Amino acid sequence: MQISISDEKTREMLTEILIDLIKTRKELFSEMIQEALEEVGLANAIAEGRKNEFVPEEDVFALLDGDSA
């Protein structure tokens, strides 16, 4: 016997699973999002430093900490 699930049903099931995981593991998802944003900020600072002058390390950390530089 073979079980077949449509693409639409698969999407629905995955969506339900992700929503449930986000609700039950809020801290984990919060940490993941925070780390991703920090990585993007660091990548942007590096890219900006490569286009112009190098960005001082203090400025990079100030941006990551949310302080105005």
PDB file of N, CA and C in Angstrom:
ATOM      1  N   MET A   1       0.838  -1.177   0.000  1.00  0.00           N
ATOM      2  CA  MET A   1       0.000   0.000   0.000  1.00  0.00           C
ATOM      3  C   MET A   1       0.886   1.244   0.000  1.00  0.00           C
ATOM      4  N   GLN A   2       0.577   2.194  -0.872  1.00  0.00           N
ATOM      5  CA  GLN A   2       1.358   3.418  -0.979  1.00  0.00           C
ATOM      6  C   GLN A   2       0.505   4.607  -0.528  1.00  0.00           C
ATOM      7  N   ILE A   3       1.107   5.463   0.296  1.00  0.00           N
ATOM      8  CA  ILE A   3       0.412   6.657   0.769  1.00  0.00           C
ATOM      9  C   ILE A   3       0.923   7.843  -0.029  1.00  0.00           C
ATOM     10  N   SER A   4      -0.002   8.662  -0.495  1.00  0.00           N
ATOM     11  CA  SER A   4       0.362   9.825  -1.294  1.00  0.00           C
ATOM     12  C   SER A   4      -0.254  11.074  -0.669  1.00  0.00           C
ATOM     13  N   ILE A   5       0.555  12.130  -0.581  1.00  0.00           N
ATOM     14  CA  ILE A   5       0.079  13.402  -0.042  1.00  0.00           C
ATOM     15  C   ILE A   5       0.339  14.477  -1.088  1.00  0.00           C
ATOM     16  N   SER A   6      -0.659  15.289  -1.337  1.00  0.00           N
ATOM     17  CA  SER A   6      -0.508  16.349  -2.330  1.00  0.00           C
ATOM     18  C   SER A   6       0.436  17.436  -1.822  1.00  0.00           C
ATOM     19  N   ASP A   7       0.955  18.239  -2.753  1.00  0.00           N
ATOM     20  CA  ASP A   7       1.832  19.349  -2.373  1.00  0.00           C
ATOM     21  C   ASP A   7       1.110  20.324  -1.452  1.00  0.00           C
ATOM     22  N   GLU A   8      -0.147  20.600  -1.736  1.00  0.00           N
ATOM     23  CA  GLU A   8      -0.924  21.527  -0.916  1.00  0.00           C
ATOM     24  C   GLU A   8      -1.087  20.990   0.507  1.00  0.00           C
ATOM     25  N   LYS A   9      -1.398  19.716   0.625  1.00  0.00           N
ATOM     26  CA  LYS A   9      -1.551  19.104   1.947  1.00  0.00           C
ATOM     27  C   LYS A   9      -0.220  19.110   2.694  1.00  0.00           C
ATOM     28  N   THR A  10       0.857  18.867   1.982  1.00  0.00           N
ATOM     29  CA  THR A  10       2.189  18.891   2.593  1.00  0.00           C
ATOM     30  C   THR A  10       2.491  20.279   3.132  1.00  0.00           C
ATOM     31  N   ARG A  11       2.204  21.321   2.346  1.00  0.00           N
ATOM     32  CA  ARG A  11       2.418  22.695   2.805  1.00  0.00           C
ATOM     33  C   ARG A  11       1.589  22.998   4.042  1.00  0.00           C
ATOM     34  N   GLU A  12       0.344  22.576   4.031  1.00  0.00           N
ATOM     35  CA  GLU A  12      -0.533  22.806   5.179  1.00  0.00           C
ATOM     36  C   GLU A  12       0.026  22.137   6.435  1.00  0.00           C
ATOM     37  N   MET A  13       0.461  20.906   6.289  1.00  0.00           N
ATOM     38  CA  MET A  13       1.000  20.163   7.434  1.00  0.00           C
ATOM     39  C   MET A  13       2.280  20.821   7.950  1.00  0.00           C
ATOM     40  N   LEU A  14       3.174  21.216   7.047  1.00  0.00           N
ATOM     41  CA  LEU A  14       4.411  21.859   7.466  1.00  0.00           C
ATOM     42  C   LEU A  14       4.133  23.196   8.150  1.00  0.00           C
ATOM     43  N   THR A  15       3.164  23.932   7.632  1.00  0.00           N
ATOM     44  CA  THR A  15       2.784  25.201   8.249  1.00  0.00           C
ATOM     45  C   THR A  15       2.276  24.978   9.664  1.00  0.00           C
ATOM     46  N   GLU A  16       1.424  23.989   9.848  1.00  0.00           N
ATOM     47  CA  GLU A  16       0.904  23.680  11.188  1.00  0.00           C
ATOM     48  C   GLU A  16       2.031  23.279  12.133  1.00  0.00           C
ATOM     49  N   ILE A  17       2.960  22.484  11.641  1.00  0.00           N
ATOM     50  CA  ILE A  17       4.083  22.036  12.463  1.00  0.00           C
ATOM     51  C   ILE A  17       4.951  23.222  12.870  1.00  0.00           C
ATOM     52  N   LEU A  18       5.268  24.105  11.915  1.00  0.00           N
ATOM     53  CA  LEU A  18       6.091  25.269  12.223  1.00  0.00           C
ATOM     54  C   LEU A  18       5.411  26.199  13.218  1.00  0.00           C
ATOM     55  N   ILE A  19       4.129  26.435  13.037  1.00  0.00           N
ATOM     56  CA  ILE A  19       3.387  27.283  13.974  1.00  0.00           C
ATOM     57  C   ILE A  19       3.416  26.670  15.368  1.00  0.00           C
ATOM     58  N   ASP A  20       3.206  25.385  15.456  1.00  0.00           N
ATOM     59  CA  ASP A  20       3.234  24.706  16.754  1.00  0.00           C
ATOM     60  C   ASP A  20       4.621  24.807  17.393  1.00  0.00           C
ATOM     61  N   LEU A  21       5.671  24.614  16.599  1.00  0.00           N
ATOM     62  CA  LEU A  21       7.033  24.725  17.123  1.00  0.00           C
ATOM     63  C   LEU A  21       7.324  26.136  17.617  1.00  0.00           C
ATOM     64  N   ILE A  22       6.894  27.132  16.861  1.00  0.00           N
ATOM     65  CA  ILE A  22       7.132  28.521  17.262  1.00  0.00           C
ATOM     66  C   ILE A  22       6.399  28.822  18.568  1.00  0.00           C
ATOM     67  N   LYS A  23       5.185  28.337  18.686  1.00  0.00           N
ATOM     68  CA  LYS A  23       4.411  28.583  19.914  1.00  0.00           C
ATOM     69  C   LYS A  23       5.023  27.883  21.121  1.00  0.00           C
ATOM     70  N   THR A  24       5.496  26.673  20.935  1.00  0.00           N
ATOM     71  CA  THR A  24       5.991  25.896  22.072  1.00  0.00           C
ATOM     72  C   THR A  24       7.462  26.155  22.382  1.00  0.00           C
ATOM     73  N   ARG A  25       8.211  26.662  21.408  1.00  0.00           N
ATOM     74  CA  ARG A  25       9.656  26.909  21.598  1.00  0.00           C
ATOM     75  C   ARG A  25      10.004  28.358  21.290  1.00  0.00           C
ATOM     76  N   LYS A  26       9.287  29.289  21.889  1.00  0.00           N
ATOM     77  CA  LYS A  26       9.471  30.718  21.628  1.00  0.00           C
ATOM     78  C   LYS A  26      10.908  31.170  21.865  1.00  0.00           C
ATOM     79  N   GLU A  27      11.505  30.723  22.955  1.00  0.00           N
ATOM     80  CA  GLU A  27      12.860  31.149  23.300  1.00  0.00           C
ATOM     81  C   GLU A  27      13.856  30.732  22.220  1.00  0.00           C
ATOM     82  N   LEU A  28      13.713  29.508  21.740  1.00  0.00           N
ATOM     83  CA  LEU A  28      14.617  29.011  20.713  1.00  0.00           C
ATOM     84  C   LEU A  28      14.509  29.851  19.442  1.00  0.00           C
ATOM     85  N   PHE A  29      13.297  30.123  19.007  1.00  0.00           N
ATOM     86  CA  PHE A  29      13.111  30.898  17.785  1.00  0.00           C
ATOM     87  C   PHE A  29      13.553  32.341  17.980  1.00  0.00           C
ATOM     88  N   SER A  30      13.354  32.879  19.167  1.00  0.00           N
ATOM     89  CA  SER A  30      13.809  34.234  19.457  1.00  0.00           C
ATOM     90  C   SER A  30      15.331  34.320  19.351  1.00  0.00           C
ATOM     91  N   GLU A  31      16.018  33.354  19.918  1.00  0.00           N
ATOM     92  CA  GLU A  31      17.477  33.313  19.846  1.00  0.00           C
ATOM     93  C   GLU A  31      17.954  33.168  18.397  1.00  0.00           C
ATOM     94  N   MET A  32      17.287  32.318  17.641  1.00  0.00           N
ATOM     95  CA  MET A  32      17.676  32.113  16.247  1.00  0.00           C
ATOM     96  C   MET A  32      17.517  33.396  15.438  1.00  0.00           C
ATOM     97  N   ILE A  33      16.427  34.101  15.641  1.00  0.00           N
ATOM     98  CA  ILE A  33      16.189  35.341  14.908  1.00  0.00           C
ATOM     99  C   ILE A  33      17.203  36.398  15.324  1.00  0.00           C
ATOM    100  N   GLN A  34      17.476  36.498  16.614  1.00  0.00           N
ATOM    101  CA  GLN A  34      18.447  37.470  17.107  1.00  0.00           C
ATOM    102  C   GLN A  34      19.836  37.196  16.518  1.00  0.00           C
ATOM    103  N   GLU A  35      20.247  35.953  16.508  1.00  0.00           N
ATOM    104  CA  GLU A  35      21.551  35.605  15.950  1.00  0.00           C
ATOM    105  C   GLU A  35      21.614  35.904  14.456  1.00  0.00           C
ATOM    106  N   ALA A  36      20.524  35.622  13.751  1.00  0.00           N
ATOM    107  CA  ALA A  36      20.489  35.901  12.317  1.00  0.00           C
ATOM    108  C   ALA A  36      20.617  37.401  12.057  1.00  0.00           C
ATOM    109  N   LEU A  37      19.927  38.209  12.850  1.00  0.00           N
ATOM    110  CA  LEU A  37      20.009  39.663  12.686  1.00  0.00           C
ATOM    111  C   LEU A  37      21.408  40.174  12.994  1.00  0.00           C
ATOM    112  N   GLU A  38      22.050  39.606  13.997  1.00  0.00           N
ATOM    113  CA  GLU A  38      23.422  39.992  14.315  1.00  0.00           C
ATOM    114  C   GLU A  38      24.362  39.651  13.161  1.00  0.00           C
ATOM    115  N   GLU A  39      24.163  38.491  12.565  1.00  0.00           N
ATOM    116  CA  GLU A  39      24.985  38.091  11.419  1.00  0.00           C
ATOM    117  C   GLU A  39      24.794  39.041  10.239  1.00  0.00           C
ATOM    118  N   VAL A  40      23.554  39.437   9.989  1.00  0.00           N
ATOM    119  CA  VAL A  40      23.273  40.373   8.896  1.00  0.00           C
ATOM    120  C   VAL A  40      23.935  41.717   9.185  1.00  0.00           C
ATOM    121  N   GLY A  41      23.826  42.169  10.431  1.00  0.00           N
ATOM    122  CA  GLY A  41      24.464  43.434  10.805  1.00  0.00           C
ATOM    123  C   GLY A  41      25.967  43.383  10.625  1.00  0.00           C
ATOM    124  N   LEU A  42      26.573  42.296  11.026  1.00  0.00           N
ATOM    125  CA  LEU A  42      28.014  42.140  10.866  1.00  0.00           C
ATOM    126  C   LEU A  42      28.393  42.091   9.391  1.00  0.00           C
ATOM    127  N   ALA A  43      27.634  41.350   8.601  1.00  0.00           N
ATOM    128  CA  ALA A  43      27.908  41.264   7.160  1.00  0.00           C
ATOM    129  C   ALA A  43      27.779  42.634   6.506  1.00  0.00           C
ATOM    130  N   ASN A  44      26.764  43.409   6.907  1.00  0.00           N
ATOM    131  CA  ASN A  44      26.586  44.753   6.353  1.00  0.00           C
ATOM    132  C   ASN A  44      27.746  45.657   6.735  1.00  0.00           C
ATOM    133  N   ALA A  45      28.191  45.560   7.979  1.00  0.00           N
ATOM    134  CA  ALA A  45      29.325  46.368   8.427  1.00  0.00           C
ATOM    135  C   ALA A  45      30.593  45.996   7.667  1.00  0.00           C
ATOM    136  N   ILE A  46      30.796  44.723   7.445  1.00  0.00           N
ATOM    137  CA  ILE A  46      31.974  44.277   6.692  1.00  0.00           C
ATOM    138  C   ILE A  46      31.897  44.778   5.259  1.00  0.00           C
ATOM    139  N   ALA A  47      30.726  44.643   4.641  1.00  0.00           N
ATOM    140  CA  ALA A  47      30.556  45.115   3.260  1.00  0.00           C
ATOM    141  C   ALA A  47      30.779  46.624   3.172  1.00  0.00           C
ATOM    142  N   GLU A  48      30.275  47.372   4.125  1.00  0.00           N
ATOM    143  CA  GLU A  48      30.465  48.825   4.144  1.00  0.00           C
ATOM    144  C   GLU A  48      31.944  49.165   4.311  1.00  0.00           C
ATOM    145  N   GLY A  49      32.628  48.438   5.158  1.00  0.00           N
ATOM    146  CA  GLY A  49      34.047  48.663   5.370  1.00  0.00           C
ATOM    147  C   GLY A  49      34.867  48.356   4.137  1.00  0.00           C
ATOM    148  N   ARG A  50      34.437  47.395   3.363  1.00  0.00           N
ATOM    149  CA  ARG A  50      35.177  47.042   2.152  1.00  0.00           C
ATOM    150  C   ARG A  50      34.982  48.080   1.050  1.00  0.00           C
ATOM    151  N   LYS A  51      33.817  48.733   1.028  1.00  0.00           N
ATOM    152  CA  LYS A  51      33.553  49.749   0.004  1.00  0.00           C
ATOM    153  C   LYS A  51      34.307  51.034   0.304  1.00  0.00           C
ATOM    154  N   ASN A  52      34.394  51.388   1.543  1.00  0.00           N
ATOM    155  CA  ASN A  52      35.024  52.634   1.964  1.00  0.00           C
ATOM    156  C   ASN A  52      36.223  52.300   2.828  1.00  0.00           C
ATOM    157  N   GLU A  53      36.398  53.075   3.865  1.00  0.00           N
ATOM    158  CA  GLU A  53      37.460  52.780   4.811  1.00  0.00           C
ATOM    159  C   GLU A  53      36.997  51.646   5.724  1.00  0.00           C
ATOM    160  N   PHE A  54      37.934  51.013   6.378  1.00  0.00           N
ATOM    161  CA  PHE A  54      37.571  49.948   7.302  1.00  0.00           C
ATOM    162  C   PHE A  54      36.746  50.517   8.451  1.00  0.00           C
ATOM    163  N   VAL A  55      35.777  49.741   8.900  1.00  0.00           N
ATOM    164  CA  VAL A  55      34.924  50.141  10.012  1.00  0.00           C
ATOM    165  C   VAL A  55      35.606  49.709  11.297  1.00  0.00           C
ATOM    166  N   PRO A  56      35.768  50.640  12.252  1.00  0.00           N
ATOM    167  CA  PRO A  56      36.396  50.260  13.518  1.00  0.00           C
ATOM    168  C   PRO A  56      35.569  49.194  14.247  1.00  0.00           C
ATOM    169  N   GLU A  57      36.253  48.314  14.940  1.00  0.00           N
ATOM    170  CA  GLU A  57      35.590  47.224  15.652  1.00  0.00           C
ATOM    171  C   GLU A  57      34.547  47.753  16.638  1.00  0.00           C
ATOM    172  N   GLU A  58      34.853  48.877  17.283  1.00  0.00           N
ATOM    173  CA  GLU A  58      33.918  49.460  18.252  1.00  0.00           C
ATOM    174  C   GLU A  58      32.601  49.842  17.570  1.00  0.00           C
ATOM    175  N   ASP A  59      32.675  50.364  16.337  1.00  0.00           N
ATOM    176  CA  ASP A  59      31.468  50.738  15.602  1.00  0.00           C
ATOM    177  C   ASP A  59      30.625  49.517  15.260  1.00  0.00           C
ATOM    178  N   VAL A  60      31.288  48.437  14.907  1.00  0.00           N
ATOM    179  CA  VAL A  60      30.567  47.198  14.573  1.00  0.00           C
ATOM    180  C   VAL A  60      29.809  46.698  15.795  1.00  0.00           C
ATOM    181  N   PHE A  61      30.499  46.643  16.934  1.00  0.00           N
ATOM    182  CA  PHE A  61      29.835  46.153  18.143  1.00  0.00           C
ATOM    183  C   PHE A  61      28.754  47.103  18.626  1.00  0.00           C
ATOM    184  N   ALA A  62      28.966  48.387  18.422  1.00  0.00           N
ATOM    185  CA  ALA A  62      27.937  49.369  18.802  1.00  0.00           C
ATOM    186  C   ALA A  62      26.681  49.141  17.968  1.00  0.00           C
ATOM    187  N   LEU A  63      26.842  48.857  16.681  1.00  0.00           N
ATOM    188  CA  LEU A  63      25.689  48.572  15.829  1.00  0.00           C
ATOM    189  C   LEU A  63      24.992  47.286  16.265  1.00  0.00           C
ATOM    190  N   LEU A  64      25.771  46.263  16.581  1.00  0.00           N
ATOM    191  CA  LEU A  64      25.181  45.006  16.998  1.00  0.00           C
ATOM    192  C   LEU A  64      24.477  45.141  18.346  1.00  0.00           C
ATOM    193  N   ASP A  65      24.994  45.988  19.211  1.00  0.00           N
ATOM    194  CA  ASP A  65      24.370  46.187  20.519  1.00  0.00           C
ATOM    195  C   ASP A  65      23.195  47.145  20.452  1.00  0.00           C
ATOM    196  N   GLY A  66      23.002  47.783  19.294  1.00  0.00           N
ATOM    197  CA  GLY A  66      21.879  48.705  19.140  1.00  0.00           C
ATOM    198  C   GLY A  66      22.206  50.108  19.569  1.00  0.00           C
ATOM    199  N   ASP A  67      23.468  50.396  19.873  1.00  0.00           N
ATOM    200  CA  ASP A  67      23.867  51.751  20.226  1.00  0.00           C
ATOM    201  C   ASP A  67      24.064  52.561  18.957  1.00  0.00           C
ATOM    202  N   SER A  68      23.828  53.851  19.014  1.00  0.00           N
ATOM    203  CA  SER A  68      24.081  54.696  17.844  1.00  0.00           C
ATOM    204  C   SER A  68      25.562  55.009  17.790  1.00  0.00           C
ATOM    205  N   ALA A  69      26.098  54.923  16.565  1.00  0.00           N
ATOM    206  CA  ALA A  69      27.544  55.132  16.413  1.00  0.00           C
ATOM    207  C   ALA A  69      27.837  56.525  15.912  1.00  0.00           C
TER     208      ALA A  69
END
